[in-house]
């Protein structure tokens, strides 16, 4: 199967994502010629935002809010959401992707769900090739959403910058669980749903936990993703990480 990168660039410009989707499948399945095709890519220097966190933290809602803010600035956004695989058909279980439904048909937004296929690390085996494709065809931002969170799910930091860890005020035990994993490498910590009780207490606890990270720049942003509170502040922090 042959793909002309120039053709995909023209199609993305016109919000036609059919060949892009086929090309992602081509890379995901490592079909004959995929390795040679990857060598032809010329990735642009654009932000690749990695977003992870425990189930129920509001990752998909936060991503939807970020998409809205970026589209409002006239930016073209690609989202890769990695989901657990179905044990029956091995495809992606779409999970909370329903929360992004308003963006699925928007001409400035491309959303693709990918099945983890049992791959450890929170992403998929050839995610780097797929990200480089998206960076090469005219998007302004790429967002990666991982399967979940745990000590071993740190692959996201190899392909994304910055990496965002989304937490909620009830996540005190999760901090202890993650200290030897993603907690040590995330750049931005988002405390979502800060309208809940004990939110400020949790933020203070998080600040104390992060004070142990000597010489590493980290930011804490408080959000209420379903109402948009704190999203513009988060986007500004993301831009600063990319610039510096």
C-alpha atoms as a PDB file:
ATOM      1  CA  UNK A   1       0.000   0.000   0.000  1.00  0.00           C
ATOM      2  CA  UNK A   2       1.437   3.360  -1.031  1.00  0.00           C
ATOM      3  CA  UNK A   3       0.605   6.755   0.484  1.00  0.00           C
ATOM      4  CA  UNK A   4       1.704  10.133  -0.851  1.00  0.00           C
ATOM      5  CA  UNK A   5       2.371  12.410   2.107  1.00  0.00           C
ATOM      6  CA  UNK A   6       1.737  15.493  -0.047  1.00  0.00           C
ATOM      7  CA  UNK A   7      -1.740  14.186  -0.876  1.00  0.00           C
ATOM      8  CA  UNK A   8      -2.557  13.601   2.802  1.00  0.00           C
ATOM      9  CA  UNK A   9      -1.366  17.136   3.641  1.00  0.00           C
ATOM     10  CA  UNK A  10      -3.723  18.590   1.013  1.00  0.00           C
ATOM     11  CA  UNK A  11      -6.597  16.431   2.260  1.00  0.00           C
ATOM     12  CA  UNK A  12      -6.051  17.402   5.919  1.00  0.00           C
ATOM     13  CA  UNK A  13      -6.051  21.046   4.872  1.00  0.00           C
ATOM     14  CA  UNK A  14      -9.510  20.450   3.408  1.00  0.00           C
ATOM     15  CA  UNK A  15     -10.753  18.410   6.411  1.00  0.00           C
ATOM     16  CA  UNK A  16     -10.690  15.152   4.457  1.00  0.00           C
ATOM     17  CA  UNK A  17      -9.249  12.550   6.841  1.00  0.00           C
ATOM     18  CA  UNK A  18     -10.014   9.285   5.016  1.00  0.00           C
ATOM     19  CA  UNK A  19      -6.518   8.588   3.686  1.00  0.00           C
ATOM     20  CA  UNK A  20      -4.993   9.785   6.959  1.00  0.00           C
ATOM     21  CA  UNK A  21      -7.052   7.167   8.814  1.00  0.00           C
ATOM     22  CA  UNK A  22      -5.987   4.477   6.353  1.00  0.00           C
ATOM     23  CA  UNK A  23      -2.358   5.525   6.737  1.00  0.00           C
ATOM     24  CA  UNK A  24      -2.577   5.293  10.540  1.00  0.00           C
ATOM     25  CA  UNK A  25      -3.902   1.737  10.212  1.00  0.00           C
ATOM     26  CA  UNK A  26      -1.059   1.026   7.767  1.00  0.00           C
ATOM     27  CA  UNK A  27       1.481   2.112  10.398  1.00  0.00           C
ATOM     28  CA  UNK A  28      -0.349   0.543  13.323  1.00  0.00           C
ATOM     29  CA  UNK A  29      -0.378  -2.853  11.637  1.00  0.00           C
ATOM     30  CA  UNK A  30       3.193  -2.486  10.310  1.00  0.00           C
ATOM     31  CA  UNK A  31       2.202  -3.480   6.828  1.00  0.00           C
ATOM     32  CA  UNK A  32       4.805  -4.024   4.112  1.00  0.00           C
ATOM     33  CA  UNK A  33       6.487  -0.729   3.275  1.00  0.00           C
ATOM     34  CA  UNK A  34       5.555   1.056   6.519  1.00  0.00           C
ATOM     35  CA  UNK A  35       9.169   1.328   7.709  1.00  0.00           C
ATOM     36  CA  UNK A  36      10.220   2.969   4.439  1.00  0.00           C
ATOM     37  CA  UNK A  37       7.219   5.303   4.559  1.00  0.00           C
ATOM     38  CA  UNK A  38       8.149   6.495   8.070  1.00  0.00           C
ATOM     39  CA  UNK A  39      11.562   7.576   6.749  1.00  0.00           C
ATOM     40  CA  UNK A  40       9.871   9.999   4.343  1.00  0.00           C
ATOM     41  CA  UNK A  41       8.061  11.907   7.114  1.00  0.00           C
ATOM     42  CA  UNK A  42       9.169  15.427   8.020  1.00  0.00           C
ATOM     43  CA  UNK A  43       7.584  16.177  11.416  1.00  0.00           C
ATOM     44  CA  UNK A  44       6.923  19.809  12.308  1.00  0.00           C
ATOM     45  CA  UNK A  45       7.823  21.183  15.717  1.00  0.00           C
ATOM     46  CA  UNK A  46       4.361  21.243  17.262  1.00  0.00           C
ATOM     47  CA  UNK A  47       3.191  20.472  20.814  1.00  0.00           C
ATOM     48  CA  UNK A  48       2.365  16.828  21.531  1.00  0.00           C
ATOM     49  CA  UNK A  49       0.315  16.801  24.732  1.00  0.00           C
ATOM     50  CA  UNK A  50       0.279  13.546  26.675  1.00  0.00           C
ATOM     51  CA  UNK A  51      -2.683  13.151  29.029  1.00  0.00           C
ATOM     52  CA  UNK A  52      -3.056  10.343  31.522  1.00  0.00           C
ATOM     53  CA  UNK A  53      -4.610   9.722  34.909  1.00  0.00           C
ATOM     54  CA  UNK A  54      -6.720   7.261  36.879  1.00  0.00           C
ATOM     55  CA  UNK A  55     -10.194   6.231  35.668  1.00  0.00           C
ATOM     56  CA  UNK A  56     -12.838   8.813  36.487  1.00  0.00           C
ATOM     57  CA  UNK A  57     -10.420  11.743  36.666  1.00  0.00           C
ATOM     58  CA  UNK A  58     -12.126  13.441  33.721  1.00  0.00           C
ATOM     59  CA  UNK A  59      -9.442  13.017  31.048  1.00  0.00           C
ATOM     60  CA  UNK A  60     -11.848  12.895  28.109  1.00  0.00           C
ATOM     61  CA  UNK A  61     -13.858  15.845  29.417  1.00  0.00           C
ATOM     62  CA  UNK A  62     -10.654  17.834  29.866  1.00  0.00           C
ATOM     63  CA  UNK A  63      -9.510  16.948  26.343  1.00  0.00           C
ATOM     64  CA  UNK A  64     -12.865  18.090  24.943  1.00  0.00           C
ATOM     65  CA  UNK A  65     -12.439  21.400  26.768  1.00  0.00           C
ATOM     66  CA  UNK A  66      -8.883  21.797  25.448  1.00  0.00           C
ATOM     67  CA  UNK A  67     -10.093  21.080  21.916  1.00  0.00           C
ATOM     68  CA  UNK A  68     -12.696  23.819  22.297  1.00  0.00           C
ATOM     69  CA  UNK A  69     -10.070  26.314  23.460  1.00  0.00           C
ATOM     70  CA  UNK A  70      -7.686  25.425  20.619  1.00  0.00           C
ATOM     71  CA  UNK A  71     -10.345  25.475  17.908  1.00  0.00           C
ATOM     72  CA  UNK A  72     -11.387  28.854  19.278  1.00  0.00           C
ATOM     73  CA  UNK A  73      -7.861  30.031  18.427  1.00  0.00           C
ATOM     74  CA  UNK A  74      -8.151  28.642  14.908  1.00  0.00           C
ATOM     75  CA  UNK A  75      -5.891  25.632  15.583  1.00  0.00           C
ATOM     76  CA  UNK A  76      -6.200  22.247  13.877  1.00  0.00           C
ATOM     77  CA  UNK A  77      -6.098  19.439  16.447  1.00  0.00           C
ATOM     78  CA  UNK A  78      -5.443  15.695  16.210  1.00  0.00           C
ATOM     79  CA  UNK A  79      -6.396  13.435  19.122  1.00  0.00           C
ATOM     80  CA  UNK A  80      -5.176   9.861  19.602  1.00  0.00           C
ATOM     81  CA  UNK A  81      -7.065   8.017  22.331  1.00  0.00           C
ATOM     82  CA  UNK A  82      -5.648   4.649  23.280  1.00  0.00           C
ATOM     83  CA  UNK A  83      -8.239   2.279  24.721  1.00  0.00           C
ATOM     84  CA  UNK A  84      -8.130  -1.221  26.194  1.00  0.00           C
ATOM     85  CA  UNK A  85      -8.688  -3.939  23.588  1.00  0.00           C
ATOM     86  CA  UNK A  86     -11.867  -5.999  23.393  1.00  0.00           C
ATOM     87  CA  UNK A  87     -11.183  -9.650  24.210  1.00  0.00           C
ATOM     88  CA  UNK A  88     -13.689 -10.578  21.486  1.00  0.00           C
ATOM     89  CA  UNK A  89     -12.699  -8.531  18.431  1.00  0.00           C
ATOM     90  CA  UNK A  90      -9.412  -6.962  19.661  1.00  0.00           C
ATOM     91  CA  UNK A  91     -10.577  -3.502  18.646  1.00  0.00           C
ATOM     92  CA  UNK A  92     -10.685  -0.430  20.872  1.00  0.00           C
ATOM     93  CA  UNK A  93     -13.294  -0.207  23.621  1.00  0.00           C
ATOM     94  CA  UNK A  94     -14.381   3.401  23.190  1.00  0.00           C
ATOM     95  CA  UNK A  95     -15.081   3.977  26.864  1.00  0.00           C
ATOM     96  CA  UNK A  96     -15.554   7.652  27.686  1.00  0.00           C
ATOM     97  CA  UNK A  97     -14.981   8.840  24.116  1.00  0.00           C
ATOM     98  CA  UNK A  98     -18.655   9.840  24.049  1.00  0.00           C
ATOM     99  CA  UNK A  99     -17.588  12.977  25.930  1.00  0.00           C
ATOM    100  CA  UNK A 100     -15.803  14.183  22.782  1.00  0.00           C
ATOM    101  CA  UNK A 101     -18.783  13.542  20.517  1.00  0.00           C
ATOM    102  CA  UNK A 102     -19.322  17.222  19.690  1.00  0.00           C
ATOM    103  CA  UNK A 103     -15.913  17.329  17.976  1.00  0.00           C
ATOM    104  CA  UNK A 104     -16.036  14.170  15.873  1.00  0.00           C
ATOM    105  CA  UNK A 105     -17.346  15.884  12.745  1.00  0.00           C
ATOM    106  CA  UNK A 106     -15.674  19.247  13.244  1.00  0.00           C
ATOM    107  CA  UNK A 107     -13.434  20.123  10.263  1.00  0.00           C
ATOM    108  CA  UNK A 108     -10.629  21.377  12.535  1.00  0.00           C
ATOM    109  CA  UNK A 109     -10.500  18.202  14.619  1.00  0.00           C
ATOM    110  CA  UNK A 110      -9.387  14.647  13.915  1.00  0.00           C
ATOM    111  CA  UNK A 111     -10.044  11.998  16.601  1.00  0.00           C
ATOM    112  CA  UNK A 112      -8.831   8.423  16.360  1.00  0.00           C
ATOM    113  CA  UNK A 113      -9.262   5.624  18.888  1.00  0.00           C
ATOM    114  CA  UNK A 114      -6.574   2.949  18.929  1.00  0.00           C
ATOM    115  CA  UNK A 115      -6.607  -0.418  20.680  1.00  0.00           C
ATOM    116  CA  UNK A 116      -3.769  -1.115  23.109  1.00  0.00           C
ATOM    117  CA  UNK A 117      -3.747  -4.796  22.051  1.00  0.00           C
ATOM    118  CA  UNK A 118      -2.260  -5.670  25.412  1.00  0.00           C
ATOM    119  CA  UNK A 119       0.767  -3.409  24.949  1.00  0.00           C
ATOM    120  CA  UNK A 120       2.148  -2.158  28.271  1.00  0.00           C
ATOM    121  CA  UNK A 121       3.079   1.465  28.780  1.00  0.00           C
ATOM    122  CA  UNK A 122      -0.348   3.054  28.329  1.00  0.00           C
ATOM    123  CA  UNK A 123      -0.035   3.571  24.558  1.00  0.00           C
ATOM    124  CA  UNK A 124       0.524   1.260  21.584  1.00  0.00           C
ATOM    125  CA  UNK A 125       3.634  -0.294  20.108  1.00  0.00           C
ATOM    126  CA  UNK A 126       4.139   2.034  17.128  1.00  0.00           C
ATOM    127  CA  UNK A 127       2.718   5.234  18.612  1.00  0.00           C
ATOM    128  CA  UNK A 128       5.890   7.183  17.753  1.00  0.00           C
ATOM    129  CA  UNK A 129       5.432   6.558  14.020  1.00  0.00           C
ATOM    130  CA  UNK A 130       1.771   7.596  14.158  1.00  0.00           C
ATOM    131  CA  UNK A 131       2.574  10.769  16.087  1.00  0.00           C
ATOM    132  CA  UNK A 132       5.263  11.688  13.551  1.00  0.00           C
ATOM    133  CA  UNK A 133       2.706  11.222  10.787  1.00  0.00           C
ATOM    134  CA  UNK A 134       0.301  13.612  12.492  1.00  0.00           C
ATOM    135  CA  UNK A 135       3.131  16.103  13.054  1.00  0.00           C
ATOM    136  CA  UNK A 136       3.897  15.979   9.323  1.00  0.00           C
ATOM    137  CA  UNK A 137       0.505  16.652   7.770  1.00  0.00           C
ATOM    138  CA  UNK A 138      -0.573  20.080   9.012  1.00  0.00           C
ATOM    139  CA  UNK A 139      -1.949  19.788  12.549  1.00  0.00           C
ATOM    140  CA  UNK A 140      -1.090  22.493  15.087  1.00  0.00           C
ATOM    141  CA  UNK A 141      -1.491  20.322  18.182  1.00  0.00           C
ATOM    142  CA  UNK A 142      -1.502  16.578  18.849  1.00  0.00           C
ATOM    143  CA  UNK A 143      -3.144  15.206  21.997  1.00  0.00           C
ATOM    144  CA  UNK A 144      -2.458  11.685  23.288  1.00  0.00           C
ATOM    145  CA  UNK A 145      -4.765  10.056  25.818  1.00  0.00           C
ATOM    146  CA  UNK A 146      -3.403   6.885  27.416  1.00  0.00           C
ATOM    147  CA  UNK A 147      -5.267   3.769  28.560  1.00  0.00           C
ATOM    148  CA  UNK A 148      -4.992   4.657  32.229  1.00  0.00           C
ATOM    149  CA  UNK A 149      -2.333   5.137  34.827  1.00  0.00           C
ATOM    150  CA  UNK A 150       0.046   3.006  36.812  1.00  0.00           C
ATOM    151  CA  UNK A 151       3.684   2.628  37.711  1.00  0.00           C
ATOM    152  CA  UNK A 152       4.618   1.120  34.330  1.00  0.00           C
ATOM    153  CA  UNK A 153       2.620   3.447  32.090  1.00  0.00           C
ATOM    154  CA  UNK A 154       5.375   5.939  31.335  1.00  0.00           C
ATOM    155  CA  UNK A 155       5.738   5.433  27.571  1.00  0.00           C
ATOM    156  CA  UNK A 156       3.807   8.650  27.026  1.00  0.00           C
ATOM    157  CA  UNK A 157       6.811  10.750  28.120  1.00  0.00           C
ATOM    158  CA  UNK A 158       8.868   9.323  25.249  1.00  0.00           C
ATOM    159  CA  UNK A 159       6.579  10.795  22.586  1.00  0.00           C
ATOM    160  CA  UNK A 160       4.824  13.698  24.320  1.00  0.00           C
ATOM    161  CA  UNK A 161       5.915  17.024  25.755  1.00  0.00           C
ATOM    162  CA  UNK A 162       4.460  18.100  28.052  1.00  0.00           C
ATOM    163  CA  UNK A 163       2.952  15.154  29.899  1.00  0.00           C
ATOM    164  CA  UNK A 164      -0.136  15.928  31.969  1.00  0.00           C
ATOM    165  CA  UNK A 165      -1.300  13.832  34.896  1.00  0.00           C
ATOM    166  CA  UNK A 166      -4.985  14.401  35.695  1.00  0.00           C
ATOM    167  CA  UNK A 167      -6.063  13.776  39.276  1.00  0.00           C
ATOM    168  CA  UNK A 168      -9.154  14.413  41.396  1.00  0.00           C
ATOM    169  CA  UNK A 169      -9.404  15.472  45.050  1.00  0.00           C
ATOM    170  CA  UNK A 170     -10.093  11.884  46.142  1.00  0.00           C
ATOM    171  CA  UNK A 171      -6.820  10.622  44.605  1.00  0.00           C
ATOM    172  CA  UNK A 172      -4.631  10.673  47.714  1.00  0.00           C
ATOM    173  CA  UNK A 173      -3.934   6.943  47.572  1.00  0.00           C
ATOM    174  CA  UNK A 174      -3.198   7.173  43.843  1.00  0.00           C
ATOM    175  CA  UNK A 175      -0.327   9.562  44.551  1.00  0.00           C
ATOM    176  CA  UNK A 176       1.377   6.956  46.711  1.00  0.00           C
ATOM    177  CA  UNK A 177       0.822   4.305  44.026  1.00  0.00           C
ATOM    178  CA  UNK A 178       2.285   6.474  41.271  1.00  0.00           C
ATOM    179  CA  UNK A 179       5.305   7.869  43.082  1.00  0.00           C
ATOM    180  CA  UNK A 180       7.646   5.310  41.541  1.00  0.00           C
ATOM    181  CA  UNK A 181       6.133   5.683  38.070  1.00  0.00           C
ATOM    182  CA  UNK A 182       4.486   8.437  36.070  1.00  0.00           C
ATOM    183  CA  UNK A 183       4.305  10.731  39.092  1.00  0.00           C
ATOM    184  CA  UNK A 184       8.053  11.224  38.810  1.00  0.00           C
ATOM    185  CA  UNK A 185       8.079  12.217  35.145  1.00  0.00           C
ATOM    186  CA  UNK A 186       4.861  14.176  34.518  1.00  0.00           C
ATOM    187  CA  UNK A 187       5.359  17.896  33.833  1.00  0.00           C
ATOM    188  CA  UNK A 188       1.912  19.308  34.573  1.00  0.00           C
ATOM    189  CA  UNK A 189      -0.423  18.084  37.304  1.00  0.00           C
ATOM    190  CA  UNK A 190      -4.079  18.928  36.760  1.00  0.00           C
ATOM    191  CA  UNK A 191      -6.362  18.689  39.749  1.00  0.00           C
ATOM    192  CA  UNK A 192      -9.759  18.363  38.104  1.00  0.00           C
ATOM    193  CA  UNK A 193     -13.200  18.665  39.706  1.00  0.00           C
ATOM    194  CA  UNK A 194     -11.930  21.214  42.223  1.00  0.00           C
ATOM    195  CA  UNK A 195     -15.504  22.131  43.097  1.00  0.00           C
ATOM    196  CA  UNK A 196     -15.581  18.961  45.199  1.00  0.00           C
ATOM    197  CA  UNK A 197     -15.079  18.987  48.976  1.00  0.00           C
ATOM    198  CA  UNK A 198     -11.500  18.736  50.258  1.00  0.00           C
ATOM    199  CA  UNK A 199     -10.120  19.942  46.906  1.00  0.00           C
ATOM    200  CA  UNK A 200      -7.811  22.575  48.358  1.00  0.00           C
ATOM    201  CA  UNK A 201      -6.541  20.145  50.965  1.00  0.00           C
ATOM    202  CA  UNK A 202      -5.622  17.730  48.176  1.00  0.00           C
ATOM    203  CA  UNK A 203      -3.871  20.487  46.174  1.00  0.00           C
ATOM    204  CA  UNK A 204      -1.770  21.330  49.226  1.00  0.00           C
ATOM    205  CA  UNK A 205      -0.956  17.646  49.691  1.00  0.00           C
ATOM    206  CA  UNK A 206       0.104  17.426  46.039  1.00  0.00           C
ATOM    207  CA  UNK A 207       2.320  20.501  46.353  1.00  0.00           C
ATOM    208  CA  UNK A 208       4.023  18.929  49.340  1.00  0.00           C
ATOM    209  CA  UNK A 209       4.564  15.659  47.451  1.00  0.00           C
ATOM    210  CA  UNK A 210       6.027  17.506  44.459  1.00  0.00           C
ATOM    211  CA  UNK A 211       8.397  19.526  46.641  1.00  0.00           C
ATOM    212  CA  UNK A 212      10.556  16.401  46.764  1.00  0.00           C
ATOM    213  CA  UNK A 213      11.304  16.786  43.037  1.00  0.00           C
ATOM    214  CA  UNK A 214      14.438  18.902  43.225  1.00  0.00           C
ATOM    215  CA  UNK A 215      15.510  20.683  40.041  1.00  0.00           C
ATOM    216  CA  UNK A 216      12.488  19.560  37.997  1.00  0.00           C
ATOM    217  CA  UNK A 217       9.977  22.127  36.749  1.00  0.00           C
ATOM    218  CA  UNK A 218       6.386  21.157  37.476  1.00  0.00           C
ATOM    219  CA  UNK A 219       3.103  23.039  37.429  1.00  0.00           C
ATOM    220  CA  UNK A 220      -0.179  22.413  39.191  1.00  0.00           C
ATOM    221  CA  UNK A 221      -3.343  23.652  37.484  1.00  0.00           C
ATOM    222  CA  UNK A 222      -6.798  23.492  39.077  1.00  0.00           C
ATOM    223  CA  UNK A 223      -9.709  22.846  36.708  1.00  0.00           C
ATOM    224  CA  UNK A 224     -13.398  22.043  36.509  1.00  0.00           C
ATOM    225  CA  UNK A 225     -13.319  20.594  33.014  1.00  0.00           C
ATOM    226  CA  UNK A 226     -17.063  20.208  32.462  1.00  0.00           C
ATOM    227  CA  UNK A 227     -17.569  23.959  32.937  1.00  0.00           C
ATOM    228  CA  UNK A 228     -14.272  25.104  31.399  1.00  0.00           C
ATOM    229  CA  UNK A 229     -12.838  26.566  34.598  1.00  0.00           C
ATOM    230  CA  UNK A 230      -9.038  26.623  34.490  1.00  0.00           C
ATOM    231  CA  UNK A 231      -8.777  25.366  30.893  1.00  0.00           C
ATOM    232  CA  UNK A 232      -7.340  28.605  29.477  1.00  0.00           C
ATOM    233  CA  UNK A 233      -4.754  28.643  32.272  1.00  0.00           C
ATOM    234  CA  UNK A 234      -3.828  25.042  31.472  1.00  0.00           C
ATOM    235  CA  UNK A 235      -3.441  25.834  27.774  1.00  0.00           C
ATOM    236  CA  UNK A 236      -1.133  28.727  28.610  1.00  0.00           C
ATOM    237  CA  UNK A 237       1.067  26.454  30.729  1.00  0.00           C
ATOM    238  CA  UNK A 238       1.170  23.904  27.884  1.00  0.00           C
ATOM    239  CA  UNK A 239       2.325  26.579  25.441  1.00  0.00           C
ATOM    240  CA  UNK A 240       5.030  27.723  27.837  1.00  0.00           C
ATOM    241  CA  UNK A 241       6.416  24.192  28.090  1.00  0.00           C
ATOM    242  CA  UNK A 242       6.561  23.911  24.329  1.00  0.00           C
ATOM    243  CA  UNK A 243       8.256  27.276  23.934  1.00  0.00           C
ATOM    244  CA  UNK A 244      10.949  26.550  26.507  1.00  0.00           C
END
